[in-house]
Structures are given as C-alpha cells and as structure tokens.
Amino acid sequence: MAKVEKQFNIFKFVKKTEDMRVVIQKVSKASVTVEKEVISSIGRGLLILLGIEDADTEEDIEWLVKKITQLRIFNDEKGVMNRSVKDVAGDVIVVSQFTLHANTKKGNRPSYIRASKPEFAVPMYEKFILKIEAAIGKKVGTGKFGAMMDVELVNDGPVTIIIDSKQKDF
C-alpha cells in the first residue's frame, strides 16, 4: 500500500503544461515571405507567433485574443506604454510556429511531439486569426501554415512578450 501511495504522491505534483503559446513582438514593420514572394507585410503593430497543442480549446483562443488585443504596450503621448494595438489602430501578422513547443530536456535535437498535427492545428490557427480580426476590426496578415517562411521584423522597443494560455494567473 505504501508503494502505491508514494507513486500517487509523485504524480500529484506533476504540472500539466499543455497550452496555446504565443510570442508577441511589437514591431514598426514586419513581413512574411514564402518562396521569394512576400505574402504579408505590416507597418506598426504586432507580430504574433502562435504554437498550438492538442489540449488547446476555443476558450484558450478567446482568452489569448482578449489579452493580446488589450495589452498596453504602445506609447501614449507621454511616451508611456499605455495603449493597445486597438488603441493605435495597429496591424497584426499571425504566424503558426510549432517550434514554440519544442522539448529540449533530452539531448540536442528538440522534440516537437507536443505540437499539434495539422488536422487539429489548422482549424485552431484559422479560428485564432478570425478572432483577432474581429477584435481589432481589420484584416490580419498571416504566414502560410506548414511552409518554410522568412519572417522579417523590426522589433520596436524592443518589446517581446510570451504568453501561455494555461497560465492565466498573471
């Protein structure tokens, strides 16, 4: 009995880390190129790199979109970061990036086993884009899911923020 109880106690403290993960960069300009063709470009706004896992839900999308579009990371007239991308009528590019869920604990080759397969990830990526568009009231630039992309940006600030959807306590 003691052995079973001891094993249970070990698993009791294991934290489930599956989450939708975003890296947000405030940019003065950004673009995405696929096969030498620029498919998206923006001026002032946000470049959002999006990582999706199978445990992600539409609730995660809703929470992230609200958080991202209300982040006060753009300067006001006093030079204080006090305005959101909506407040400044900024542009947005969303790029799917499965490597955000790389596991590097063992060896030197990252494992991407936690990243969702396209059958799940593509619809979630598309829902995320639609929700961002609705929130900011304009079209969002995108990458091309699954393609090799060149992403260029001028990070303004620099300001780079990482948000995980399962860590809503901050």
N, C-alpha and C. Protein backbone atom coordinates (compact mmCIF):
# COMPACT_ATOMS: atom_id res chain seq x y z
N MET A 1 0.82 -1.19 0.00
CA MET A 1 0.00 0.00 0.00
C MET A 1 0.87 1.26 0.00
N ALA A 2 1.93 1.24 0.77
CA ALA A 2 2.81 2.41 0.87
C ALA A 2 3.43 2.74 -0.48
N LYS A 3 3.80 1.70 -1.26
CA LYS A 3 4.39 1.93 -2.57
C LYS A 3 3.39 2.62 -3.50
N VAL A 4 2.16 2.17 -3.52
CA VAL A 4 1.13 2.77 -4.35
C VAL A 4 0.90 4.22 -3.95
N GLU A 5 0.80 4.48 -2.64
CA GLU A 5 0.58 5.83 -2.14
C GLU A 5 1.75 6.74 -2.52
N LYS A 6 2.97 6.22 -2.42
CA LYS A 6 4.15 7.00 -2.76
C LYS A 6 4.13 7.37 -4.24
N GLN A 7 3.78 6.43 -5.12
CA GLN A 7 3.69 6.73 -6.55
C GLN A 7 2.62 7.78 -6.81
N PHE A 8 1.49 7.68 -6.14
CA PHE A 8 0.42 8.65 -6.30
C PHE A 8 0.90 10.05 -5.92
N ASN A 9 1.63 10.15 -4.83
CA ASN A 9 2.12 11.45 -4.38
C ASN A 9 3.08 12.08 -5.38
N ILE A 10 3.86 11.28 -6.06
CA ILE A 10 4.77 11.80 -7.09
C ILE A 10 3.96 12.45 -8.20
N PHE A 11 2.92 11.76 -8.69
CA PHE A 11 2.13 12.26 -9.80
C PHE A 11 1.23 13.42 -9.41
N LYS A 12 0.96 13.54 -8.15
CA LYS A 12 0.10 14.62 -7.66
C LYS A 12 0.73 15.99 -7.95
N PHE A 13 2.04 16.06 -8.02
CA PHE A 13 2.72 17.33 -8.19
C PHE A 13 3.19 17.59 -9.62
N VAL A 14 2.92 16.68 -10.52
CA VAL A 14 3.31 16.87 -11.92
C VAL A 14 2.37 17.91 -12.53
N LYS A 15 2.95 18.96 -13.08
CA LYS A 15 2.17 20.04 -13.67
C LYS A 15 1.91 19.75 -15.14
N LYS A 16 0.66 19.81 -15.56
CA LYS A 16 0.31 19.65 -16.96
C LYS A 16 0.61 20.97 -17.66
N THR A 17 1.47 20.94 -18.68
CA THR A 17 1.92 22.19 -19.29
C THR A 17 1.40 22.38 -20.71
N GLU A 18 0.39 21.64 -21.09
CA GLU A 18 -0.13 21.82 -22.44
C GLU A 18 -0.84 23.16 -22.53
N ASP A 19 -0.45 23.97 -23.51
CA ASP A 19 -1.02 25.28 -23.63
C ASP A 19 -0.85 25.83 -25.03
N MET A 20 -1.70 26.77 -25.35
CA MET A 20 -1.51 27.54 -26.56
C MET A 20 -0.49 28.61 -26.16
N ARG A 21 0.53 28.74 -26.93
CA ARG A 21 1.64 29.62 -26.58
C ARG A 21 1.81 30.66 -27.68
N VAL A 22 2.01 31.92 -27.27
CA VAL A 22 2.27 32.97 -28.24
C VAL A 22 3.50 33.76 -27.83
N VAL A 23 4.23 34.19 -28.85
CA VAL A 23 5.29 35.15 -28.68
C VAL A 23 4.83 36.38 -29.45
N ILE A 24 4.72 37.50 -28.73
CA ILE A 24 4.22 38.73 -29.31
C ILE A 24 5.37 39.71 -29.40
N GLN A 25 5.57 40.27 -30.59
CA GLN A 25 6.60 41.27 -30.76
C GLN A 25 5.97 42.55 -31.29
N LYS A 26 6.21 43.64 -30.57
CA LYS A 26 5.76 44.95 -31.05
C LYS A 26 6.73 45.36 -32.15
N VAL A 27 6.19 45.68 -33.31
CA VAL A 27 7.04 45.96 -34.47
C VAL A 27 6.73 47.32 -35.08
N SER A 28 7.74 47.90 -35.72
CA SER A 28 7.49 49.08 -36.54
C SER A 28 7.20 48.65 -37.97
N LYS A 29 7.64 47.41 -38.30
CA LYS A 29 7.27 46.78 -39.57
C LYS A 29 7.63 45.31 -39.50
N ALA A 30 6.90 44.51 -40.28
CA ALA A 30 7.16 43.07 -40.34
C ALA A 30 6.63 42.53 -41.65
N SER A 31 7.21 41.41 -42.08
CA SER A 31 6.73 40.77 -43.31
C SER A 31 7.01 39.27 -43.26
N VAL A 32 6.24 38.54 -44.07
CA VAL A 32 6.42 37.10 -44.22
C VAL A 32 6.60 36.81 -45.70
N THR A 33 7.67 36.08 -46.02
CA THR A 33 7.98 35.70 -47.40
C THR A 33 7.99 34.19 -47.51
N VAL A 34 7.31 33.68 -48.55
CA VAL A 34 7.29 32.24 -48.85
C VAL A 34 7.70 32.08 -50.31
N GLU A 35 8.70 31.25 -50.53
CA GLU A 35 9.21 31.01 -51.88
C GLU A 35 9.47 32.31 -52.64
N LYS A 36 10.18 33.22 -51.99
CA LYS A 36 10.61 34.51 -52.53
C LYS A 36 9.47 35.48 -52.84
N GLU A 37 8.27 35.18 -52.33
CA GLU A 37 7.12 36.08 -52.52
C GLU A 37 6.64 36.58 -51.16
N VAL A 38 6.56 37.90 -51.03
CA VAL A 38 6.05 38.48 -49.79
C VAL A 38 4.54 38.23 -49.76
N ILE A 39 4.09 37.48 -48.74
CA ILE A 39 2.66 37.16 -48.66
C ILE A 39 1.93 38.01 -47.63
N SER A 40 2.66 38.65 -46.72
CA SER A 40 2.08 39.55 -45.74
C SER A 40 3.11 40.59 -45.34
N SER A 41 2.63 41.81 -45.15
CA SER A 41 3.51 42.84 -44.59
C SER A 41 2.66 43.86 -43.86
N ILE A 42 3.23 44.39 -42.79
CA ILE A 42 2.54 45.39 -41.98
C ILE A 42 3.51 46.48 -41.59
N GLY A 43 2.93 47.59 -41.16
CA GLY A 43 3.71 48.65 -40.53
C GLY A 43 3.63 48.44 -39.03
N ARG A 44 3.37 49.50 -38.30
CA ARG A 44 3.31 49.47 -36.83
C ARG A 44 2.24 48.50 -36.35
N GLY A 45 2.62 47.62 -35.43
CA GLY A 45 1.66 46.68 -34.89
C GLY A 45 2.32 45.53 -34.16
N LEU A 46 1.72 44.34 -34.32
CA LEU A 46 2.18 43.15 -33.62
C LEU A 46 2.48 42.01 -34.58
N LEU A 47 3.58 41.34 -34.36
CA LEU A 47 3.87 40.06 -34.99
C LEU A 47 3.62 39.02 -33.92
N ILE A 48 2.71 38.09 -34.20
CA ILE A 48 2.33 37.06 -33.23
C ILE A 48 2.75 35.71 -33.78
N LEU A 49 3.61 35.02 -33.04
CA LEU A 49 4.00 33.65 -33.36
C LEU A 49 3.13 32.76 -32.48
N LEU A 50 2.42 31.80 -33.09
CA LEU A 50 1.41 31.00 -32.39
C LEU A 50 1.77 29.53 -32.41
N GLY A 51 1.86 28.92 -31.21
CA GLY A 51 2.10 27.49 -31.08
C GLY A 51 0.85 26.81 -30.52
N ILE A 52 0.42 25.73 -31.15
CA ILE A 52 -0.83 25.05 -30.79
C ILE A 52 -0.55 23.62 -30.38
N GLU A 53 -1.24 23.19 -29.29
CA GLU A 53 -1.19 21.80 -28.82
C GLU A 53 -2.59 21.21 -28.84
N ASP A 54 -2.68 19.89 -28.79
CA ASP A 54 -3.97 19.20 -28.85
C ASP A 54 -4.92 19.55 -27.71
N ALA A 55 -4.39 19.94 -26.57
CA ALA A 55 -5.24 20.27 -25.42
C ALA A 55 -5.84 21.67 -25.52
N ASP A 56 -5.46 22.44 -26.52
CA ASP A 56 -5.95 23.80 -26.65
C ASP A 56 -7.43 23.81 -27.02
N THR A 57 -8.12 24.85 -26.55
CA THR A 57 -9.56 24.96 -26.75
C THR A 57 -9.90 26.34 -27.29
N GLU A 58 -11.17 26.49 -27.67
CA GLU A 58 -11.64 27.80 -28.11
C GLU A 58 -11.60 28.79 -26.95
N GLU A 59 -11.73 28.30 -25.74
CA GLU A 59 -11.60 29.17 -24.56
C GLU A 59 -10.19 29.76 -24.49
N ASP A 60 -9.18 28.97 -24.83
CA ASP A 60 -7.81 29.47 -24.88
C ASP A 60 -7.68 30.57 -25.92
N ILE A 61 -8.29 30.36 -27.08
CA ILE A 61 -8.25 31.36 -28.14
C ILE A 61 -8.90 32.66 -27.66
N GLU A 62 -10.09 32.55 -27.10
CA GLU A 62 -10.81 33.74 -26.61
C GLU A 62 -9.97 34.50 -25.60
N TRP A 63 -9.39 33.79 -24.64
CA TRP A 63 -8.61 34.44 -23.59
C TRP A 63 -7.37 35.13 -24.18
N LEU A 64 -6.65 34.41 -25.06
CA LEU A 64 -5.44 34.98 -25.65
C LEU A 64 -5.75 36.20 -26.51
N VAL A 65 -6.79 36.11 -27.31
CA VAL A 65 -7.14 37.24 -28.18
C VAL A 65 -7.47 38.47 -27.34
N LYS A 66 -8.24 38.28 -26.31
CA LYS A 66 -8.57 39.40 -25.43
C LYS A 66 -7.31 39.98 -24.79
N LYS A 67 -6.46 39.11 -24.28
CA LYS A 67 -5.23 39.54 -23.62
C LYS A 67 -4.33 40.29 -24.61
N ILE A 68 -4.12 39.72 -25.78
CA ILE A 68 -3.22 40.31 -26.77
C ILE A 68 -3.73 41.66 -27.25
N THR A 69 -5.00 41.73 -27.61
CA THR A 69 -5.54 42.97 -28.19
C THR A 69 -5.72 44.08 -27.15
N GLN A 70 -5.65 43.73 -25.87
CA GLN A 70 -5.76 44.75 -24.83
C GLN A 70 -4.43 45.05 -24.13
N LEU A 71 -3.36 44.35 -24.53
CA LEU A 71 -2.04 44.62 -23.94
C LEU A 71 -1.64 46.06 -24.19
N ARG A 72 -1.31 46.76 -23.14
CA ARG A 72 -0.93 48.17 -23.27
C ARG A 72 0.59 48.26 -23.42
N ILE A 73 1.04 48.09 -24.67
CA ILE A 73 2.48 48.07 -24.94
C ILE A 73 2.90 49.12 -25.97
N PHE A 74 1.96 49.96 -26.39
CA PHE A 74 2.27 51.04 -27.31
C PHE A 74 2.28 52.36 -26.53
N ASN A 75 3.17 53.26 -26.91
CA ASN A 75 3.33 54.51 -26.18
C ASN A 75 2.16 55.46 -26.37
N ASP A 76 1.84 56.16 -25.29
CA ASP A 76 0.86 57.25 -25.37
C ASP A 76 1.62 58.54 -25.67
N GLU A 77 0.93 59.68 -25.61
CA GLU A 77 1.55 60.98 -25.93
C GLU A 77 2.67 61.36 -24.96
N LYS A 78 2.72 60.72 -23.80
CA LYS A 78 3.79 61.00 -22.82
C LYS A 78 4.94 60.01 -22.93
N GLY A 79 4.87 59.09 -23.90
CA GLY A 79 5.94 58.12 -24.08
C GLY A 79 5.83 56.93 -23.14
N VAL A 80 4.68 56.76 -22.51
CA VAL A 80 4.45 55.65 -21.58
C VAL A 80 3.69 54.54 -22.31
N MET A 81 4.12 53.29 -22.13
CA MET A 81 3.40 52.18 -22.75
C MET A 81 2.04 52.05 -22.07
N ASN A 82 1.04 52.64 -22.72
CA ASN A 82 -0.28 52.73 -22.11
C ASN A 82 -1.41 52.51 -23.13
N ARG A 83 -1.05 52.11 -24.36
CA ARG A 83 -2.05 51.91 -25.40
C ARG A 83 -1.93 50.51 -26.00
N SER A 84 -3.07 49.99 -26.42
CA SER A 84 -3.12 48.66 -27.04
C SER A 84 -3.02 48.78 -28.56
N VAL A 85 -2.88 47.64 -29.21
CA VAL A 85 -2.85 47.62 -30.67
C VAL A 85 -4.16 48.18 -31.23
N LYS A 86 -5.27 47.94 -30.54
CA LYS A 86 -6.55 48.51 -30.95
C LYS A 86 -6.54 50.02 -30.82
N ASP A 87 -6.00 50.52 -29.72
CA ASP A 87 -5.97 51.96 -29.47
C ASP A 87 -5.19 52.72 -30.53
N VAL A 88 -4.13 52.11 -31.06
CA VAL A 88 -3.27 52.79 -32.04
C VAL A 88 -3.60 52.38 -33.47
N ALA A 89 -4.70 51.62 -33.65
CA ALA A 89 -5.10 51.12 -34.98
C ALA A 89 -3.94 50.40 -35.65
N GLY A 90 -3.21 49.60 -34.86
CA GLY A 90 -2.06 48.87 -35.37
C GLY A 90 -2.46 47.66 -36.20
N ASP A 91 -1.51 47.17 -36.94
CA ASP A 91 -1.69 45.99 -37.78
C ASP A 91 -1.18 44.76 -37.04
N VAL A 92 -1.57 43.58 -37.56
CA VAL A 92 -1.17 42.32 -36.93
C VAL A 92 -0.83 41.30 -38.02
N ILE A 93 0.22 40.54 -37.78
CA ILE A 93 0.54 39.34 -38.56
C ILE A 93 0.56 38.18 -37.58
N VAL A 94 -0.09 37.07 -37.95
CA VAL A 94 -0.08 35.85 -37.13
C VAL A 94 0.62 34.76 -37.93
N VAL A 95 1.64 34.15 -37.32
CA VAL A 95 2.41 33.09 -37.96
C VAL A 95 2.37 31.85 -37.08
N SER A 96 1.93 30.73 -37.63
CA SER A 96 1.93 29.47 -36.89
C SER A 96 3.37 29.01 -36.73
N GLN A 97 3.72 28.60 -35.50
CA GLN A 97 5.09 28.17 -35.25
C GLN A 97 5.12 27.01 -34.26
N PHE A 98 5.13 25.79 -34.81
CA PHE A 98 5.11 24.59 -33.96
C PHE A 98 6.34 24.49 -33.08
N THR A 99 7.44 25.12 -33.45
CA THR A 99 8.66 25.01 -32.66
C THR A 99 8.57 25.70 -31.31
N LEU A 100 7.51 26.47 -31.07
CA LEU A 100 7.32 27.07 -29.75
C LEU A 100 7.08 26.01 -28.68
N HIS A 101 6.73 24.79 -29.10
CA HIS A 101 6.50 23.71 -28.16
C HIS A 101 7.64 22.69 -28.16
N ALA A 102 8.83 23.14 -28.56
CA ALA A 102 9.99 22.25 -28.57
C ALA A 102 10.33 21.81 -27.15
N ASN A 103 10.63 20.53 -27.01
CA ASN A 103 11.11 19.98 -25.74
C ASN A 103 12.60 19.75 -25.91
N THR A 104 13.40 20.40 -25.08
CA THR A 104 14.85 20.30 -25.20
C THR A 104 15.50 19.65 -23.98
N LYS A 105 14.70 18.92 -23.21
CA LYS A 105 15.22 18.32 -21.98
C LYS A 105 16.25 17.23 -22.23
N LYS A 106 16.06 16.43 -23.28
CA LYS A 106 16.97 15.32 -23.55
C LYS A 106 17.74 15.57 -24.84
N GLY A 107 19.03 15.43 -24.79
CA GLY A 107 19.85 15.53 -25.98
C GLY A 107 19.87 16.92 -26.57
N ASN A 108 20.33 16.98 -27.81
CA ASN A 108 20.48 18.26 -28.50
C ASN A 108 19.50 18.46 -29.65
N ARG A 109 18.72 17.44 -29.95
CA ARG A 109 17.72 17.58 -31.01
C ARG A 109 16.36 17.80 -30.34
N PRO A 110 15.75 18.96 -30.56
CA PRO A 110 14.45 19.22 -29.93
C PRO A 110 13.39 18.24 -30.40
N SER A 111 12.48 17.91 -29.49
CA SER A 111 11.33 17.08 -29.82
C SER A 111 10.12 17.99 -29.97
N TYR A 112 9.33 17.75 -31.01
CA TYR A 112 8.14 18.57 -31.26
C TYR A 112 6.87 17.76 -31.06
N ILE A 113 6.95 16.72 -30.27
CA ILE A 113 5.82 15.80 -30.08
C ILE A 113 4.60 16.49 -29.48
N ARG A 114 4.81 17.56 -28.71
CA ARG A 114 3.68 18.27 -28.08
C ARG A 114 2.92 19.16 -29.06
N ALA A 115 3.55 19.53 -30.17
CA ALA A 115 2.88 20.39 -31.15
C ALA A 115 1.79 19.60 -31.87
N SER A 116 0.67 20.25 -32.11
CA SER A 116 -0.46 19.59 -32.78
C SER A 116 -0.17 19.27 -34.23
N LYS A 117 -0.82 18.23 -34.71
CA LYS A 117 -0.77 17.88 -36.13
C LYS A 117 -1.68 18.84 -36.89
N PRO A 118 -1.46 19.00 -38.19
CA PRO A 118 -2.24 19.95 -38.99
C PRO A 118 -3.76 19.78 -38.91
N GLU A 119 -4.24 18.53 -38.79
CA GLU A 119 -5.70 18.33 -38.76
C GLU A 119 -6.37 19.05 -37.60
N PHE A 120 -5.64 19.23 -36.50
CA PHE A 120 -6.16 19.98 -35.36
C PHE A 120 -5.67 21.43 -35.39
N ALA A 121 -4.40 21.61 -35.70
CA ALA A 121 -3.78 22.93 -35.61
C ALA A 121 -4.32 23.93 -36.62
N VAL A 122 -4.56 23.50 -37.86
CA VAL A 122 -5.02 24.44 -38.89
C VAL A 122 -6.36 25.08 -38.53
N PRO A 123 -7.38 24.30 -38.14
CA PRO A 123 -8.64 24.96 -37.76
C PRO A 123 -8.49 25.89 -36.55
N MET A 124 -7.63 25.53 -35.60
CA MET A 124 -7.42 26.39 -34.44
C MET A 124 -6.70 27.68 -34.85
N TYR A 125 -5.72 27.56 -35.72
CA TYR A 125 -4.99 28.72 -36.26
C TYR A 125 -5.96 29.65 -36.98
N GLU A 126 -6.83 29.08 -37.80
CA GLU A 126 -7.79 29.89 -38.54
C GLU A 126 -8.80 30.57 -37.61
N LYS A 127 -9.23 29.88 -36.57
CA LYS A 127 -10.15 30.49 -35.58
C LYS A 127 -9.45 31.63 -34.85
N PHE A 128 -8.20 31.43 -34.50
CA PHE A 128 -7.43 32.46 -33.81
C PHE A 128 -7.36 33.72 -34.69
N ILE A 129 -7.06 33.55 -35.95
CA ILE A 129 -6.97 34.68 -36.89
C ILE A 129 -8.30 35.41 -36.99
N LEU A 130 -9.39 34.66 -37.14
CA LEU A 130 -10.71 35.29 -37.24
C LEU A 130 -11.06 36.08 -35.98
N LYS A 131 -10.70 35.55 -34.82
CA LYS A 131 -10.99 36.24 -33.55
C LYS A 131 -10.15 37.51 -33.41
N ILE A 132 -8.90 37.46 -33.83
CA ILE A 132 -8.05 38.66 -33.80
C ILE A 132 -8.64 39.71 -34.74
N GLU A 133 -9.03 39.30 -35.95
CA GLU A 133 -9.62 40.24 -36.91
C GLU A 133 -10.86 40.90 -36.33
N ALA A 134 -11.72 40.11 -35.71
CA ALA A 134 -12.93 40.66 -35.11
C ALA A 134 -12.59 41.64 -33.99
N ALA A 135 -11.58 41.33 -33.22
CA ALA A 135 -11.22 42.17 -32.07
C ALA A 135 -10.61 43.50 -32.49
N ILE A 136 -9.81 43.51 -33.57
CA ILE A 136 -9.17 44.77 -33.98
C ILE A 136 -9.92 45.46 -35.11
N GLY A 137 -10.89 44.77 -35.69
CA GLY A 137 -11.71 45.39 -36.73
C GLY A 137 -11.03 45.56 -38.06
N LYS A 138 -10.07 44.71 -38.36
CA LYS A 138 -9.40 44.77 -39.66
C LYS A 138 -8.76 43.44 -40.01
N LYS A 139 -8.41 43.29 -41.26
CA LYS A 139 -7.77 42.07 -41.77
C LYS A 139 -6.40 41.89 -41.11
N VAL A 140 -6.07 40.64 -40.85
CA VAL A 140 -4.80 40.26 -40.24
C VAL A 140 -3.93 39.58 -41.30
N GLY A 141 -2.65 39.94 -41.32
CA GLY A 141 -1.72 39.24 -42.19
C GLY A 141 -1.38 37.89 -41.60
N THR A 142 -0.99 36.95 -42.44
CA THR A 142 -0.66 35.61 -41.96
C THR A 142 0.58 35.07 -42.64
N GLY A 143 1.07 34.01 -42.05
CA GLY A 143 2.08 33.21 -42.71
C GLY A 143 1.34 32.16 -43.53
N LYS A 144 2.06 31.14 -43.96
CA LYS A 144 1.45 30.02 -44.68
C LYS A 144 1.70 28.77 -43.85
N PHE A 145 0.63 28.20 -43.33
CA PHE A 145 0.76 27.07 -42.41
C PHE A 145 1.59 25.96 -43.04
N GLY A 146 2.60 25.50 -42.31
CA GLY A 146 3.43 24.38 -42.73
C GLY A 146 4.53 24.71 -43.73
N ALA A 147 4.58 25.94 -44.21
CA ALA A 147 5.58 26.32 -45.21
C ALA A 147 6.86 26.81 -44.53
N MET A 148 7.96 26.75 -45.28
CA MET A 148 9.19 27.41 -44.84
C MET A 148 8.99 28.89 -45.12
N MET A 149 9.14 29.70 -44.09
CA MET A 149 8.88 31.13 -44.22
C MET A 149 10.09 31.93 -43.76
N ASP A 150 10.27 33.06 -44.40
CA ASP A 150 11.22 34.05 -43.91
C ASP A 150 10.37 35.13 -43.25
N VAL A 151 10.58 35.31 -41.96
CA VAL A 151 9.84 36.32 -41.21
C VAL A 151 10.83 37.42 -40.86
N GLU A 152 10.55 38.61 -41.37
CA GLU A 152 11.40 39.76 -41.08
C GLU A 152 10.63 40.74 -40.21
N LEU A 153 11.34 41.36 -39.28
CA LEU A 153 10.69 42.33 -38.42
C LEU A 153 11.69 43.34 -37.89
N VAL A 154 11.16 44.49 -37.56
CA VAL A 154 11.91 45.47 -36.80
C VAL A 154 11.18 45.57 -35.47
N ASN A 155 11.80 45.01 -34.44
CA ASN A 155 11.20 44.97 -33.11
C ASN A 155 11.28 46.37 -32.52
N ASP A 156 10.14 46.92 -32.19
CA ASP A 156 10.03 48.29 -31.68
C ASP A 156 10.14 48.27 -30.16
N GLY A 157 11.22 48.82 -29.66
CA GLY A 157 11.39 48.89 -28.21
C GLY A 157 12.78 48.47 -27.76
N PRO A 158 13.14 47.24 -27.84
CA PRO A 158 12.37 46.06 -28.26
C PRO A 158 11.35 45.64 -27.19
N VAL A 159 10.22 45.18 -27.68
CA VAL A 159 9.18 44.64 -26.81
C VAL A 159 8.83 43.25 -27.32
N THR A 160 9.08 42.24 -26.51
CA THR A 160 8.74 40.85 -26.82
C THR A 160 8.11 40.24 -25.58
N ILE A 161 6.91 39.66 -25.76
CA ILE A 161 6.17 39.11 -24.63
C ILE A 161 5.75 37.69 -24.98
N ILE A 162 5.89 36.77 -24.02
CA ILE A 162 5.47 35.39 -24.18
C ILE A 162 4.27 35.15 -23.27
N ILE A 163 3.22 34.56 -23.84
CA ILE A 163 2.03 34.24 -23.05
C ILE A 163 1.63 32.79 -23.30
N ASP A 164 1.36 32.06 -22.22
CA ASP A 164 0.84 30.70 -22.27
C ASP A 164 -0.60 30.73 -21.78
N SER A 165 -1.49 30.13 -22.54
CA SER A 165 -2.93 30.20 -22.21
C SER A 165 -3.31 29.50 -20.92
N LYS A 166 -2.52 28.56 -20.46
CA LYS A 166 -2.86 27.84 -19.23
C LYS A 166 -2.30 28.53 -17.98
N GLN A 167 -1.62 29.63 -18.17
CA GLN A 167 -1.05 30.37 -17.05
C GLN A 167 -1.75 31.73 -16.95
N LYS A 168 -3.01 31.68 -16.57
CA LYS A 168 -3.84 32.88 -16.56
C LYS A 168 -3.77 33.66 -15.26
N ASP A 169 -2.86 33.32 -14.40
CA ASP A 169 -2.79 33.96 -13.09
C ASP A 169 -1.87 35.16 -13.03
N PHE A 170 -1.50 35.72 -14.17
CA PHE A 170 -0.61 36.89 -14.13
C PHE A 170 -1.28 38.11 -14.66
